[in-house]
Amino acid sequence: MWMRRGKWKMIYAFVDDVVELYDIENDLSEEHNVASERPELAEEMKAAAFRWLEETDAPRMIPNPDFNPAQELNYR
């Protein structure tokens, strides 16, 4: 899930429970995750995104209990 607020873009990875934060005004290619430098903003944006999910009753990702990220995927 992701959201933008001004020059900031927050990305939340449900599978890993990881928040990333980018200053897309100065880092358009999103190479420098600044979530550790701006933890309050990252968490505030994550909370706002979850509030939006609640308010809109938007579909949510459901974790697959059988998913193993270490397992090799053989798509053919």
Protein backbone atom coordinates (compact mmCIF):
# COMPACT_ATOMS: atom_id res chain seq x y z
CA MET A 1 0.00 0.00 0.00
CA TRP A 2 1.28 3.47 -0.69
CA MET A 3 0.22 7.07 -0.28
CA ARG A 4 1.54 10.49 -1.15
CA ARG A 5 1.45 13.65 0.90
CA GLY A 6 3.11 16.60 -0.78
CA LYS A 7 6.70 15.64 -1.51
CA TRP A 8 6.50 12.49 0.60
CA LYS A 9 5.64 8.97 -0.55
CA MET A 10 5.09 6.21 2.00
CA ILE A 11 5.10 2.56 0.97
CA TYR A 12 3.92 -0.13 3.38
CA ALA A 13 4.73 -3.78 2.67
CA PHE A 14 2.10 -5.96 4.37
CA VAL A 15 4.11 -9.17 3.98
CA ASP A 16 7.21 -7.79 5.70
CA ASP A 17 5.48 -5.17 7.89
CA VAL A 18 7.98 -2.63 6.58
CA VAL A 19 7.41 1.10 6.06
CA GLU A 20 9.46 2.99 3.48
CA LEU A 21 9.44 6.77 3.09
CA TYR A 22 10.77 8.73 0.14
CA ASP A 23 11.21 12.43 -0.57
CA ILE A 24 10.11 12.20 -4.20
CA GLU A 25 10.81 15.88 -4.79
CA ASN A 26 14.54 15.22 -4.28
CA ASP A 27 14.64 11.44 -4.88
CA LEU A 28 12.30 10.73 -7.77
CA SER A 29 13.77 7.27 -8.35
CA GLU A 30 13.05 6.30 -4.71
CA GLU A 31 16.59 5.13 -3.99
CA HIS A 32 16.94 6.56 -0.47
CA ASN A 33 14.48 5.29 2.11
CA VAL A 34 14.35 7.98 4.82
CA ALA A 35 11.87 6.23 7.14
CA SER A 36 14.58 5.83 9.80
CA GLU A 37 15.36 9.55 9.58
CA ARG A 38 11.69 10.60 9.73
CA PRO A 39 10.02 7.82 11.77
CA GLU A 40 7.20 10.03 13.06
CA LEU A 41 6.18 11.04 9.54
CA ALA A 42 6.44 7.47 8.26
CA GLU A 43 4.19 6.15 11.05
CA GLU A 44 1.76 9.08 10.69
CA MET A 45 1.37 8.38 6.97
CA LYS A 46 0.98 4.64 7.61
CA ALA A 47 -1.75 5.36 10.16
CA ALA A 48 -3.50 7.71 7.71
CA ALA A 49 -3.43 5.03 5.01
CA PHE A 50 -4.95 2.48 7.39
CA ARG A 51 -7.63 4.99 8.43
CA TRP A 52 -8.48 5.44 4.75
CA LEU A 53 -8.80 1.66 4.38
CA GLU A 54 -11.23 1.60 7.31
CA GLU A 55 -13.26 4.61 6.13
CA THR A 56 -13.65 3.37 2.57
CA ASP A 57 -13.99 -0.33 3.34
CA ALA A 58 -11.38 -0.87 0.62
CA PRO A 59 -10.37 -4.44 -0.25
CA ARG A 60 -7.39 -5.66 1.72
CA MET A 61 -4.60 -8.04 1.07
CA ILE A 62 -5.06 -11.31 2.94
CA PRO A 63 -1.83 -13.05 3.94
CA ASN A 64 -1.31 -16.52 2.52
CA PRO A 65 -0.32 -18.74 5.46
CA ASP A 66 1.39 -21.16 3.04
CA PHE A 67 3.62 -18.47 1.49
CA ASN A 68 7.31 -19.15 1.98
CA PRO A 69 9.50 -16.34 0.61
CA ALA A 70 12.54 -18.64 0.72
CA GLN A 71 10.90 -21.15 -1.60
CA GLU A 72 12.06 -20.97 -5.19
CA LEU A 73 9.33 -19.94 -7.61
CA ASN A 74 9.39 -21.88 -10.85
CA TYR A 75 7.11 -20.03 -13.22
CA ARG A 76 7.02 -21.63 -16.64
